N, C-alpha and C. Protein backbone atom coordinates (compact mmCIF):
# COMPACT_ATOMS: atom_id res chain seq x y z
N UNK A 1 84.37 83.72 79.36
CA UNK A 1 85.35 84.38 79.21
C UNK A 1 85.59 85.76 79.64
N UNK A 2 84.13 86.57 80.33
CA UNK A 2 84.65 87.15 81.20
C UNK A 2 85.05 86.94 82.44
N UNK A 3 84.67 85.82 83.16
CA UNK A 3 84.52 85.03 84.02
C UNK A 3 85.94 84.71 84.76
N UNK A 4 86.93 84.38 83.55
CA UNK A 4 87.95 84.11 83.30
C UNK A 4 89.20 84.93 83.79
N UNK A 5 88.72 86.46 83.40
CA UNK A 5 89.13 87.25 83.04
C UNK A 5 89.18 88.01 84.54
N UNK A 6 88.10 88.25 84.94
CA UNK A 6 87.82 88.63 86.36
C UNK A 6 88.05 87.32 87.43
N UNK A 7 89.19 86.80 87.08
CA UNK A 7 89.18 85.85 88.33
C UNK A 7 89.53 86.43 89.75
N UNK A 8 89.37 87.02 90.73
CA UNK A 8 89.98 87.38 91.83
C UNK A 8 91.42 86.92 92.50
N UNK A 9 92.16 87.81 92.33
CA UNK A 9 93.54 87.20 93.12
C UNK A 9 93.81 87.59 94.70
N UNK A 10 93.97 86.60 94.97
CA UNK A 10 94.26 86.51 97.27
C UNK A 10 95.61 87.00 96.96
N UNK A 11 96.62 87.91 96.32
CA UNK A 11 97.70 88.22 96.59
C UNK A 11 97.42 89.78 97.29
N UNK A 12 98.45 89.77 98.40
CA UNK A 12 98.72 91.03 99.26
C UNK A 12 99.75 91.49 98.95
N UNK A 13 100.13 92.59 98.69
CA UNK A 13 101.15 93.70 98.23
C UNK A 13 101.81 94.16 98.98
N UNK A 14 102.66 94.39 100.28
CA UNK A 14 102.95 95.32 101.29
C UNK A 14 104.22 95.97 101.02
N UNK A 15 104.06 97.55 100.61
CA UNK A 15 105.15 98.34 100.29
C UNK A 15 105.45 99.38 101.71
N UNK A 16 106.52 99.33 102.16
CA UNK A 16 106.62 100.42 103.06
C UNK A 16 107.57 101.10 103.32
N UNK A 17 108.40 102.95 103.18
CA UNK A 17 109.64 103.02 102.81
C UNK A 17 109.50 104.11 104.10
N UNK A 18 110.34 105.16 104.50
CA UNK A 18 110.47 105.68 105.60
C UNK A 18 109.88 106.80 105.56
N UNK A 19 109.42 107.20 104.01
CA UNK A 19 108.65 107.96 103.83
C UNK A 19 107.15 107.83 103.53
N UNK A 20 106.86 106.66 103.30
CA UNK A 20 105.43 106.06 102.63
C UNK A 20 105.26 105.15 103.02
N UNK A 21 104.00 104.63 102.75
CA UNK A 21 103.52 103.39 103.18
C UNK A 21 102.35 102.97 102.16
N UNK A 22 102.26 102.08 100.95
CA UNK A 22 100.80 101.87 100.69
C UNK A 22 100.26 99.92 100.41
N UNK A 23 99.36 99.77 101.05
CA UNK A 23 98.95 98.37 101.36
C UNK A 23 97.84 98.13 99.84
N UNK A 24 98.78 97.18 99.35
CA UNK A 24 98.06 96.80 97.60
C UNK A 24 97.36 95.50 97.67
N UNK A 25 96.11 95.11 97.20
CA UNK A 25 95.36 94.23 97.35
C UNK A 25 94.89 94.50 95.58
N UNK A 26 95.94 92.93 94.83
CA UNK A 26 95.12 93.05 93.38
C UNK A 26 93.86 91.82 93.47
N UNK A 27 92.60 92.70 93.29
CA UNK A 27 91.42 91.57 92.88
C UNK A 27 91.23 91.17 91.78
N UNK A 28 91.30 91.84 90.61
CA UNK A 28 90.95 91.01 89.32
C UNK A 28 92.08 91.81 88.05
N UNK A 29 92.15 91.16 86.81
CA UNK A 29 93.33 91.08 86.04
C UNK A 29 92.35 91.12 84.88
N UNK A 30 92.81 92.03 83.73
CA UNK A 30 92.14 92.00 82.61
C UNK A 30 93.48 92.48 81.37
N UNK A 31 93.53 92.28 80.48
CA UNK A 31 94.00 92.41 79.52
C UNK A 31 94.89 94.15 79.49
N UNK A 32 95.91 94.07 79.98
CA UNK A 32 96.26 95.84 80.31
C UNK A 32 95.43 96.69 81.01
N UNK A 33 95.32 95.83 82.24
CA UNK A 33 94.06 96.62 83.68
C UNK A 33 94.01 96.00 84.76
N UNK A 34 93.61 96.44 85.53
CA UNK A 34 93.73 95.80 87.11
C UNK A 34 92.95 96.29 87.92
N UNK A 35 92.30 95.66 88.35
CA UNK A 35 91.71 96.69 89.86
C UNK A 35 92.10 96.21 91.27
N UNK A 36 92.83 97.07 91.34
CA UNK A 36 93.18 97.29 93.16
C UNK A 36 92.55 97.43 94.51
N UNK A 37 93.13 96.89 95.10
CA UNK A 37 92.55 97.78 96.02
C UNK A 37 94.16 98.70 97.29
N UNK A 38 94.18 99.71 97.65
CA UNK A 38 95.04 100.77 97.33
C UNK A 38 94.74 101.47 98.97
N UNK A 39 95.14 100.93 99.93
CA UNK A 39 94.85 101.73 101.24
C UNK A 39 93.20 101.50 101.39
N UNK A 40 92.73 100.48 100.63
CA UNK A 40 90.97 100.15 101.83
C UNK A 40 90.43 100.69 100.57
N UNK A 41 91.26 101.57 99.56
CA UNK A 41 90.25 102.06 98.30
C UNK A 41 90.19 101.29 96.87
N UNK A 42 89.10 101.50 96.41
CA UNK A 42 88.97 100.47 95.04
C UNK A 42 89.23 101.20 94.00
N UNK A 43 90.98 100.79 92.86
CA UNK A 43 90.73 101.75 92.13
C UNK A 43 91.37 100.77 90.48
N UNK A 44 90.67 101.25 89.61
CA UNK A 44 90.91 100.25 88.35
C UNK A 44 92.01 101.23 87.44
N UNK A 45 93.17 100.41 87.62
CA UNK A 45 94.27 100.82 86.45
C UNK A 45 94.22 100.65 85.15
N UNK A 46 94.99 101.27 84.04
CA UNK A 46 94.95 100.86 83.00
C UNK A 46 96.63 101.40 82.95
N UNK A 47 97.11 100.35 82.03
CA UNK A 47 98.81 100.54 81.55
C UNK A 47 99.36 101.64 81.75
N UNK A 48 100.23 102.29 82.49
CA UNK A 48 100.63 103.51 82.50
C UNK A 48 99.96 104.39 83.30
N UNK A 49 98.78 104.13 84.26
CA UNK A 49 98.03 105.32 85.01
C UNK A 49 98.43 104.88 86.39
N UNK A 50 98.72 105.88 87.37
CA UNK A 50 98.83 105.96 88.33
C UNK A 50 98.14 106.11 89.36
N UNK A 51 97.98 105.38 90.49
CA UNK A 51 96.78 105.80 91.45
C UNK A 51 97.23 107.22 92.74
N UNK A 52 96.58 107.30 93.59
CA UNK A 52 96.97 109.02 94.03
C UNK A 52 98.01 108.32 94.92
N UNK A 53 98.05 107.17 95.33
CA UNK A 53 99.22 106.41 96.25
C UNK A 53 100.43 106.23 95.57
N UNK A 54 100.30 106.68 94.02
CA UNK A 54 102.00 106.31 93.68
C UNK A 54 101.88 105.07 92.76
N UNK A 55 101.15 104.75 92.94
CA UNK A 55 101.00 103.01 92.33
C UNK A 55 100.95 103.16 91.28
N UNK A 56 101.89 102.52 90.38
CA UNK A 56 101.64 102.79 88.72
C UNK A 56 101.70 101.26 88.22
N UNK A 57 100.87 101.20 87.04
CA UNK A 57 100.57 99.54 86.70
C UNK A 57 101.37 99.91 85.21
N UNK A 58 102.55 98.68 85.13
CA UNK A 58 103.42 98.87 84.19
C UNK A 58 102.75 98.18 83.32
N UNK A 59 101.89 96.89 83.59
CA UNK A 59 101.97 95.63 82.65
C UNK A 59 101.14 94.80 83.10
N UNK A 60 99.63 94.30 82.10
CA UNK A 60 99.03 93.14 83.40
C UNK A 60 97.97 92.84 81.59
N UNK A 61 98.12 91.32 82.69
CA UNK A 61 96.93 90.60 81.70
C UNK A 61 96.23 88.99 82.72
N UNK A 62 95.89 88.25 82.18
CA UNK A 62 94.70 87.75 83.06
C UNK A 62 95.70 87.08 83.90
N UNK A 63 96.81 86.53 83.85
CA UNK A 63 97.72 86.16 84.56
C UNK A 63 98.49 87.13 85.92
N UNK A 64 98.83 88.25 85.44
CA UNK A 64 100.01 88.80 86.42
C UNK A 64 99.90 90.27 86.21
N UNK A 65 100.29 91.13 86.86
CA UNK A 65 100.55 92.90 86.91
C UNK A 65 101.98 93.05 87.52
N UNK A 66 102.27 93.52 86.54
CA UNK A 66 104.04 94.50 87.02
C UNK A 66 103.01 95.63 87.81
N UNK A 67 103.82 96.32 88.84
CA UNK A 67 103.12 97.13 89.40
C UNK A 67 104.74 97.89 89.99
N UNK A 68 104.33 99.32 89.77
CA UNK A 68 105.75 100.73 90.39
C UNK A 68 105.25 101.24 91.32
N UNK A 69 106.15 100.38 92.55
CA UNK A 69 105.57 101.46 93.73
C UNK A 69 106.64 102.17 94.43
N UNK A 70 106.90 103.48 94.49
CA UNK A 70 108.15 103.74 94.61
C UNK A 70 109.55 103.43 93.86
N UNK A 71 109.44 103.30 92.93
CA UNK A 71 110.76 103.00 91.30
C UNK A 71 111.14 101.71 91.78
N UNK A 72 110.44 101.02 92.47
CA UNK A 72 110.63 99.42 92.49
C UNK A 72 109.66 98.64 91.51
N UNK A 73 109.79 97.71 90.83
CA UNK A 73 108.78 97.12 90.04
C UNK A 73 108.72 95.96 90.62
N UNK A 74 107.07 95.18 91.36
CA UNK A 74 107.18 93.95 91.77
C UNK A 74 105.70 93.27 90.82
N UNK A 75 106.15 92.34 90.21
CA UNK A 75 105.19 91.58 89.36
C UNK A 75 104.41 90.54 90.66
N UNK A 76 103.04 90.55 90.15
CA UNK A 76 102.26 89.78 90.73
C UNK A 76 101.44 88.58 89.91
N UNK A 77 101.78 87.70 90.31
CA UNK A 77 101.22 86.65 89.73
C UNK A 77 100.25 85.99 90.19
N UNK A 78 99.25 85.37 88.97
CA UNK A 78 97.72 84.65 89.59
C UNK A 78 98.07 83.53 90.25
N UNK A 79 97.84 83.59 91.43
CA UNK A 79 97.17 82.36 92.45
C UNK A 79 98.51 82.41 93.59
N UNK A 80 99.21 83.40 93.66
CA UNK A 80 99.91 82.99 94.74
C UNK A 80 100.18 84.10 95.55
N UNK A 81 100.27 83.79 96.77
CA UNK A 81 99.80 84.91 98.10
C UNK A 81 101.43 86.01 97.64
N UNK A 82 101.43 86.91 97.71
CA UNK A 82 102.89 87.56 98.24
C UNK A 82 102.84 88.65 99.28
N UNK A 83 103.71 88.84 100.21
CA UNK A 83 104.01 89.87 101.87
C UNK A 83 105.03 89.94 101.73
N UNK A 84 105.78 91.22 100.71
CA UNK A 84 106.90 91.49 101.05
C UNK A 84 106.99 93.39 101.92
N UNK A 85 107.92 93.61 102.55
CA UNK A 85 107.50 95.04 103.04
C UNK A 85 109.46 95.89 102.63
N UNK A 86 109.36 96.67 102.27
CA UNK A 86 110.44 97.50 101.96
C UNK A 86 110.82 98.67 102.43
N UNK A 87 111.93 98.76 103.26
CA UNK A 87 112.10 100.20 104.50
C UNK A 87 113.75 100.19 104.31
N UNK A 88 113.94 102.36 103.78
CA UNK A 88 114.96 102.30 104.30
C UNK A 88 115.45 102.47 102.95
N UNK A 89 116.50 103.04 102.63
CA UNK A 89 117.05 103.08 101.57
C UNK A 89 118.03 101.87 100.72
N UNK A 90 118.67 101.77 99.66
CA UNK A 90 119.17 100.76 99.15
C UNK A 90 120.59 100.26 100.36
N UNK A 91 121.02 101.01 100.69
CA UNK A 91 121.88 100.43 101.48
C UNK A 91 121.82 100.42 103.21
N UNK A 92 121.79 98.98 103.59
CA UNK A 92 120.94 98.77 105.24
C UNK A 92 119.67 98.45 105.28
N UNK A 93 119.61 98.30 103.48
CA UNK A 93 117.69 97.95 103.51
C UNK A 93 117.06 96.41 103.95
N UNK A 94 116.09 96.24 104.35
CA UNK A 94 115.47 95.16 104.78
C UNK A 94 113.76 94.42 103.93
N UNK A 95 114.10 93.21 103.46
CA UNK A 95 112.84 92.91 103.43
C UNK A 95 112.15 91.69 103.65
N UNK A 96 111.07 92.13 104.15
CA UNK A 96 110.48 90.62 104.65
C UNK A 96 109.77 89.71 103.99
N UNK A 97 109.71 88.41 103.87
CA UNK A 97 109.25 87.79 102.84
C UNK A 97 108.03 87.01 103.56
N UNK A 98 107.04 86.43 103.09
CA UNK A 98 106.27 85.94 103.95
C UNK A 98 105.98 84.22 103.60
N UNK A 99 105.58 83.28 103.62
CA UNK A 99 105.50 81.74 103.37
C UNK A 99 104.78 81.75 102.70
N UNK A 100 104.31 80.76 102.02
CA UNK A 100 103.06 80.50 100.90
C UNK A 100 102.21 79.66 101.56
N UNK A 101 101.32 78.69 101.15
CA UNK A 101 100.61 78.26 101.93
C UNK A 101 101.38 76.70 102.45
N UNK A 102 102.33 76.28 101.52
CA UNK A 102 103.19 75.33 101.67
C UNK A 102 104.09 75.73 102.15
N UNK A 103 104.38 76.88 102.83
CA UNK A 103 105.78 77.08 103.93
C UNK A 103 106.84 77.43 102.91
N UNK A 104 106.86 77.45 101.27
CA UNK A 104 108.09 77.64 100.77
C UNK A 104 107.65 78.93 100.31
N UNK A 105 109.52 80.04 100.49
CA UNK A 105 109.34 81.33 100.21
C UNK A 105 109.77 81.40 99.51
N UNK A 106 108.35 82.81 98.60
CA UNK A 106 108.82 83.10 97.36
C UNK A 106 108.84 85.02 97.26
N UNK A 107 109.45 85.39 96.30
CA UNK A 107 109.52 86.92 96.58
C UNK A 107 110.12 87.43 95.38
N UNK A 108 109.19 88.64 94.70
CA UNK A 108 109.75 89.20 93.56
C UNK A 108 110.84 89.93 93.45
N UNK A 109 111.59 89.83 92.39
CA UNK A 109 112.71 90.39 91.90
C UNK A 109 113.15 90.48 90.37
N UNK A 110 114.40 91.30 90.70
CA UNK A 110 114.72 91.46 89.13
C UNK A 110 116.03 91.00 88.54
N UNK A 111 116.13 90.13 87.72
CA UNK A 111 117.92 90.05 87.48
C UNK A 111 118.26 90.61 86.10
N UNK A 112 118.74 91.49 86.34
CA UNK A 112 119.18 92.15 84.90
C UNK A 112 118.40 93.36 84.23
N UNK A 113 117.28 93.61 85.66
CA UNK A 113 116.38 94.67 85.32
C UNK A 113 115.00 93.82 84.84
N UNK A 114 115.14 92.46 84.71
CA UNK A 114 113.96 91.62 84.20
C UNK A 114 113.13 91.13 85.64
N UNK A 115 111.82 91.60 85.19
CA UNK A 115 111.14 90.54 86.63
C UNK A 115 111.30 89.19 86.41
N UNK A 116 111.25 88.84 87.85
CA UNK A 116 111.13 87.62 88.42
C UNK A 116 110.96 87.17 89.28
N UNK A 117 110.76 85.74 89.15
CA UNK A 117 110.04 85.24 90.44
C UNK A 117 110.96 84.15 91.17
N UNK A 118 111.64 84.84 92.48
CA UNK A 118 112.34 84.17 93.08
C UNK A 118 111.77 83.23 94.29
N UNK A 119 112.30 81.77 94.08
CA UNK A 119 112.75 80.80 95.47
C UNK A 119 113.60 80.87 96.18
N UNK A 120 113.51 81.39 97.66
CA UNK A 120 114.39 81.23 98.42
C UNK A 120 114.83 80.23 98.39
N UNK A 121 116.64 79.55 98.22
CA UNK A 121 117.06 78.12 98.77
C UNK A 121 118.36 78.69 99.18
N UNK A 122 118.55 78.62 100.53
CA UNK A 122 119.88 78.47 101.36
C UNK A 122 120.78 77.57 100.82
N UNK A 123 120.28 76.30 100.37
CA UNK A 123 120.92 74.74 99.80
C UNK A 123 121.37 75.23 98.92
N UNK A 124 120.96 76.52 98.03
CA UNK A 124 121.45 76.34 96.42
C UNK A 124 122.91 77.05 97.03
N UNK A 125 124.09 76.81 95.96
CA UNK A 125 125.55 77.91 95.95
C UNK A 125 125.17 79.14 95.54
N UNK A 126 124.24 79.06 94.68
CA UNK A 126 124.61 80.10 93.63
C UNK A 126 123.03 80.17 92.95
N UNK A 127 122.92 81.56 92.11
CA UNK A 127 121.12 81.81 91.87
C UNK A 127 121.30 80.75 91.15
N UNK A 128 120.02 80.12 90.90
CA UNK A 128 120.54 78.91 89.12
C UNK A 128 118.84 79.19 88.89
N UNK A 129 118.93 79.01 87.59
CA UNK A 129 118.00 78.77 86.44
C UNK A 129 117.86 78.16 85.18
N UNK A 130 117.25 78.15 84.86
CA UNK A 130 116.92 77.22 83.19
C UNK A 130 117.18 78.14 82.61
N UNK A 131 118.01 77.01 81.55
CA UNK A 131 117.88 78.05 79.80
C UNK A 131 116.75 78.76 79.51
N UNK A 132 115.80 78.09 79.89
CA UNK A 132 114.75 78.94 79.33
C UNK A 132 114.52 80.12 79.40
N UNK A 133 114.55 80.29 80.92
CA UNK A 133 113.92 81.57 81.47
C UNK A 133 115.15 82.49 81.43
N UNK A 134 116.79 82.16 81.43
CA UNK A 134 117.49 82.83 81.04
C UNK A 134 117.43 83.84 79.88
N UNK A 135 117.09 82.59 79.04
CA UNK A 135 116.72 83.58 77.31
C UNK A 135 115.85 84.57 77.63
N UNK A 136 114.91 83.97 78.44
CA UNK A 136 113.62 85.09 78.28
C UNK A 136 114.23 86.82 79.16
N UNK A 137 115.30 86.27 79.95
CA UNK A 137 115.90 87.24 80.74
C UNK A 137 116.48 88.44 79.69
N UNK A 138 117.34 87.82 78.63
CA UNK A 138 118.26 87.93 78.01
C UNK A 138 119.84 87.78 77.99
N UNK A 139 120.10 86.58 78.89
CA UNK A 139 121.24 86.15 79.32
C UNK A 139 121.79 84.86 77.86
N UNK A 140 122.93 85.24 77.59
CA UNK A 140 122.97 84.75 76.49
C UNK A 140 124.47 83.34 76.85
N UNK A 141 124.04 82.76 77.51
CA UNK A 141 124.97 82.05 78.62
C UNK A 141 126.08 81.26 77.81
N UNK A 142 125.48 80.49 76.55
CA UNK A 142 126.36 79.77 76.16
C UNK A 142 127.74 80.92 75.46
N UNK A 143 127.71 81.78 75.74
CA UNK A 143 128.65 82.55 74.80
C UNK A 143 129.45 83.45 75.87
N UNK A 144 128.42 84.11 77.32
CA UNK A 144 129.27 84.10 78.35
C UNK A 144 129.33 83.14 79.43
N UNK A 145 129.13 82.25 79.32
CA UNK A 145 129.29 81.34 80.59
C UNK A 145 130.43 80.29 80.15
N UNK A 146 130.93 79.79 81.44
CA UNK A 146 131.85 79.14 81.84
C UNK A 146 131.12 77.06 81.50
N UNK A 147 131.30 76.60 80.68
CA UNK A 147 130.46 75.60 81.09
C UNK A 147 131.16 74.59 81.77
N UNK A 148 130.25 73.47 81.96
CA UNK A 148 130.36 72.65 83.15
C UNK A 148 129.12 71.73 83.60
N UNK A 149 129.30 70.62 84.07
CA UNK A 149 128.19 69.57 84.47
C UNK A 149 127.75 69.63 85.83
N UNK A 150 126.47 69.12 85.82
CA UNK A 150 125.94 69.11 87.12
C UNK A 150 124.98 67.86 87.70
N UNK A 151 125.04 67.14 88.88
CA UNK A 151 124.44 65.61 88.92
C UNK A 151 123.35 66.68 89.98
N UNK A 152 122.29 65.76 88.65
CA UNK A 152 120.98 65.91 89.35
C UNK A 152 119.63 64.59 89.38
N UNK A 153 118.86 64.86 89.94
CA UNK A 153 117.87 63.30 90.59
C UNK A 153 117.27 63.00 88.42
N UNK A 154 118.05 63.60 87.62
CA UNK A 154 117.27 63.20 86.20
C UNK A 154 118.73 62.89 85.86
N UNK A 155 119.80 62.64 86.58
CA UNK A 155 121.16 62.45 85.36
C UNK A 155 121.85 63.58 85.87
N UNK A 156 122.79 63.54 84.70
CA UNK A 156 123.87 64.49 84.83
C UNK A 156 123.34 65.62 83.56
N UNK A 157 123.65 66.78 83.99
CA UNK A 157 122.93 67.76 83.02
C UNK A 157 124.41 68.74 82.55
N UNK A 158 123.99 69.62 81.72
CA UNK A 158 125.31 70.56 81.41
C UNK A 158 124.92 71.59 81.48
N UNK A 159 125.91 72.88 81.97
CA UNK A 159 125.41 73.84 82.87
C UNK A 159 126.47 75.24 82.77
N UNK A 160 126.13 76.27 82.67
CA UNK A 160 127.07 77.23 82.21
C UNK A 160 127.06 78.07 83.24
N UNK A 161 128.16 78.46 84.16
CA UNK A 161 128.23 79.20 84.99
C UNK A 161 129.07 80.47 84.66
N UNK A 162 128.34 81.49 85.26
CA UNK A 162 128.81 83.07 84.77
C UNK A 162 128.14 83.86 85.68
N UNK A 163 128.27 85.56 85.66
CA UNK A 163 127.92 86.28 86.66
C UNK A 163 126.97 87.51 85.89
N UNK A 164 126.19 87.50 86.84
CA UNK A 164 124.81 88.38 86.85
C UNK A 164 124.99 89.78 87.05
N UNK A 165 124.74 91.02 86.10
CA UNK A 165 125.10 92.08 86.32
C UNK A 165 124.29 92.92 87.60
N UNK A 166 123.14 92.77 87.52
CA UNK A 166 122.28 92.79 89.45
C UNK A 166 121.30 92.11 89.33
N UNK A 167 121.09 91.65 90.65
CA UNK A 167 120.30 91.15 91.18
C UNK A 167 119.65 91.64 92.47
N UNK A 168 118.04 91.74 91.83
CA UNK A 168 117.45 92.66 92.94
C UNK A 168 115.85 92.16 93.46
N UNK A 169 116.34 92.19 94.79
CA UNK A 169 114.84 91.96 95.66
C UNK A 169 114.50 92.82 96.56
N UNK A 170 113.52 93.64 95.83
CA UNK A 170 112.45 94.87 96.90
C UNK A 170 113.77 95.89 96.62
N UNK A 171 114.26 96.78 97.33
CA UNK A 171 115.18 97.73 97.71
C UNK A 171 116.55 97.24 97.63
N UNK A 172 116.92 96.26 98.05
CA UNK A 172 118.05 94.83 98.52
C UNK A 172 118.80 95.46 96.95
N UNK A 173 119.92 95.54 95.92
CA UNK A 173 120.54 94.88 94.69
C UNK A 173 122.06 95.24 95.06
N UNK A 174 122.45 93.98 95.21
CA UNK A 174 123.33 93.22 94.43
C UNK A 174 123.72 93.30 93.16
N UNK A 175 125.44 93.60 92.54
CA UNK A 175 126.04 93.63 91.56
C UNK A 175 126.98 92.43 91.93
N UNK A 176 127.15 91.61 90.08
CA UNK A 176 128.49 91.03 89.89
C UNK A 176 127.72 89.73 90.45
N UNK A 177 126.49 88.81 90.81
CA UNK A 177 126.58 87.65 91.34
C UNK A 177 126.42 86.47 90.79
N UNK A 178 127.09 85.64 91.31
CA UNK A 178 127.33 84.12 90.55
C UNK A 178 125.91 83.47 90.47
N UNK A 179 126.12 82.81 89.29
CA UNK A 179 124.77 82.43 88.92
C UNK A 179 125.04 80.78 88.13
N UNK A 180 124.41 79.88 87.75
CA UNK A 180 124.50 78.65 87.14
C UNK A 180 123.32 78.47 86.37
N UNK A 181 123.57 78.72 85.05
CA UNK A 181 122.21 78.15 84.15
C UNK A 181 122.10 76.76 83.58
N UNK A 182 121.43 76.17 83.77
CA UNK A 182 120.91 74.53 83.76
C UNK A 182 120.02 74.40 82.37
N UNK A 183 120.68 73.22 81.70
CA UNK A 183 120.28 73.49 80.45
C UNK A 183 119.06 72.75 80.39
N UNK A 184 118.00 73.24 80.13
CA UNK A 184 117.05 72.44 79.96
C UNK A 184 115.86 73.13 80.86
N UNK A 185 114.73 72.49 81.40
CA UNK A 185 113.49 73.24 81.90
C UNK A 185 113.51 73.07 83.48
N UNK A 186 114.63 72.59 83.92
CA UNK A 186 114.40 72.68 85.48
C UNK A 186 115.74 73.39 86.09
N UNK A 187 115.42 74.11 87.30
CA UNK A 187 114.40 74.07 87.87
C UNK A 187 113.03 74.89 87.44
N UNK A 188 112.51 74.32 87.86
CA UNK A 188 110.63 75.05 87.23
C UNK A 188 111.26 76.67 88.16
N UNK A 189 111.67 77.07 89.06
CA UNK A 189 111.75 78.42 89.74
C UNK A 189 113.11 78.84 89.83
N UNK A 190 113.40 79.96 89.99
CA UNK A 190 114.70 80.61 89.54
C UNK A 190 115.17 80.48 91.60
N UNK A 191 116.04 79.99 92.02
CA UNK A 191 116.44 79.66 92.56
C UNK A 191 117.11 80.89 93.53
N UNK A 192 117.16 81.61 94.49
CA UNK A 192 117.90 82.57 94.67
C UNK A 192 118.77 82.67 96.43
N UNK A 193 119.96 81.68 95.35
CA UNK A 193 120.87 81.14 96.79
C UNK A 193 122.20 81.52 97.35
N UNK A 194 122.96 81.13 97.87
CA UNK A 194 124.00 81.98 98.33
C UNK A 194 124.60 82.91 97.82
N UNK A 195 125.04 83.00 96.74
CA UNK A 195 126.20 84.01 95.96
C UNK A 195 125.26 85.13 96.28
N UNK A 196 123.69 85.35 96.55
CA UNK A 196 123.29 86.45 96.81
C UNK A 196 122.86 86.65 98.54
N UNK A 197 122.41 85.42 98.72
CA UNK A 197 121.73 85.28 100.25
C UNK A 197 122.95 85.46 101.22
N UNK A 198 124.21 84.90 101.06
CA UNK A 198 125.49 84.59 101.70
C UNK A 198 126.31 86.44 101.80
N UNK A 199 125.79 87.44 100.71
CA UNK A 199 126.34 88.78 101.17
C UNK A 199 125.07 89.70 101.81
N UNK A 200 123.80 89.12 102.71
CA UNK A 200 123.02 89.46 103.42
C UNK A 200 122.72 88.91 104.66
N UNK A 201 121.81 89.61 105.65
CA UNK A 201 121.89 88.94 107.33
C UNK A 201 120.64 88.63 107.46
N UNK A 202 120.23 87.30 107.97
CA UNK A 202 119.01 86.85 107.50
C UNK A 202 118.36 86.22 109.00
N UNK A 203 117.03 86.90 108.92
CA UNK A 203 116.56 86.61 110.31
C UNK A 203 115.18 85.76 110.38
N UNK A 204 114.67 85.25 110.97
CA UNK A 204 113.52 85.06 111.76
C UNK A 204 112.83 85.84 112.27
N UNK A 205 112.05 85.64 112.19
CA UNK A 205 110.08 86.69 113.32
C UNK A 205 109.39 85.98 113.09
N UNK A 206 108.79 84.79 114.05
CA UNK A 206 107.79 84.24 113.52
C UNK A 206 108.16 82.89 112.42
N UNK A 207 107.19 83.63 111.14
CA UNK A 207 107.27 82.87 110.09
C UNK A 207 107.77 83.87 108.84
N UNK A 208 108.47 84.77 109.48
CA UNK A 208 108.41 85.72 108.62
C UNK A 208 110.15 85.95 108.28
N UNK A 209 110.33 85.67 107.19
CA UNK A 209 112.02 85.54 106.47
C UNK A 209 112.19 87.21 106.11
N UNK A 210 113.15 87.56 107.29
CA UNK A 210 113.70 89.18 107.16
C UNK A 210 115.33 88.93 106.70
N UNK A 211 115.40 89.67 104.70
CA UNK A 211 116.34 89.99 104.23
C UNK A 211 117.14 90.85 104.39
N UNK A 212 118.70 91.24 105.17
CA UNK A 212 118.85 93.04 105.17
C UNK A 212 120.00 92.95 104.83
N UNK A 213 120.14 94.04 103.88
CA UNK A 213 121.26 93.83 103.69
C UNK A 213 121.94 95.08 104.48
N UNK A 214 123.61 94.85 105.19
CA UNK A 214 124.43 95.57 105.98
C UNK A 214 124.44 96.86 105.64
N UNK A 215 124.61 98.16 106.24
CA UNK A 215 125.06 99.18 105.69
C UNK A 215 126.36 99.29 105.83
N UNK A 216 127.12 100.06 104.83
CA UNK A 216 128.58 100.20 104.00
C UNK A 216 129.63 100.40 105.42
């Protein structure tokens, strides 16, 4: 039991702003408690506590922790590496996303204020999520969505298209983002598609994918 709860996390979360920066590594997770390394200093935080560097633990269990850094919540899940840098104000913001070991680009964000993990998919027209994830977020897709159908590898599936009030990644936040809810358990990850990415400038710096919101 203890060995399971103390499983070390190999995540690294990098956060930088124009006025501050924090390097955070989650070393172990418990129910309502997390062991963090912040700027090289080991700290144990309980839910609601903040470190000297301003990192607050919002939620924790044996699988993931939600950290609040300079007003931005990031969910760090067990077993996946996260590397994101946030700089600047909301307008003209930049987020750098690092690939995991398989070369996939995952990043943490929010839909309508609820933390989610996105898989960046430039081949997806919309933000795409399955109906179970939509219900978790609190999206009443059957009432608010436009019903339709989509062809997948598993056959024709029922969909609901609608607008998400807000979608955010780091300090980038967009409003009224088109999304497609697919009834069932697929896709297993929330796809961050072009209804969000198409409003940004995307650049690669080596293996790093940079998302940039142009200033108004």
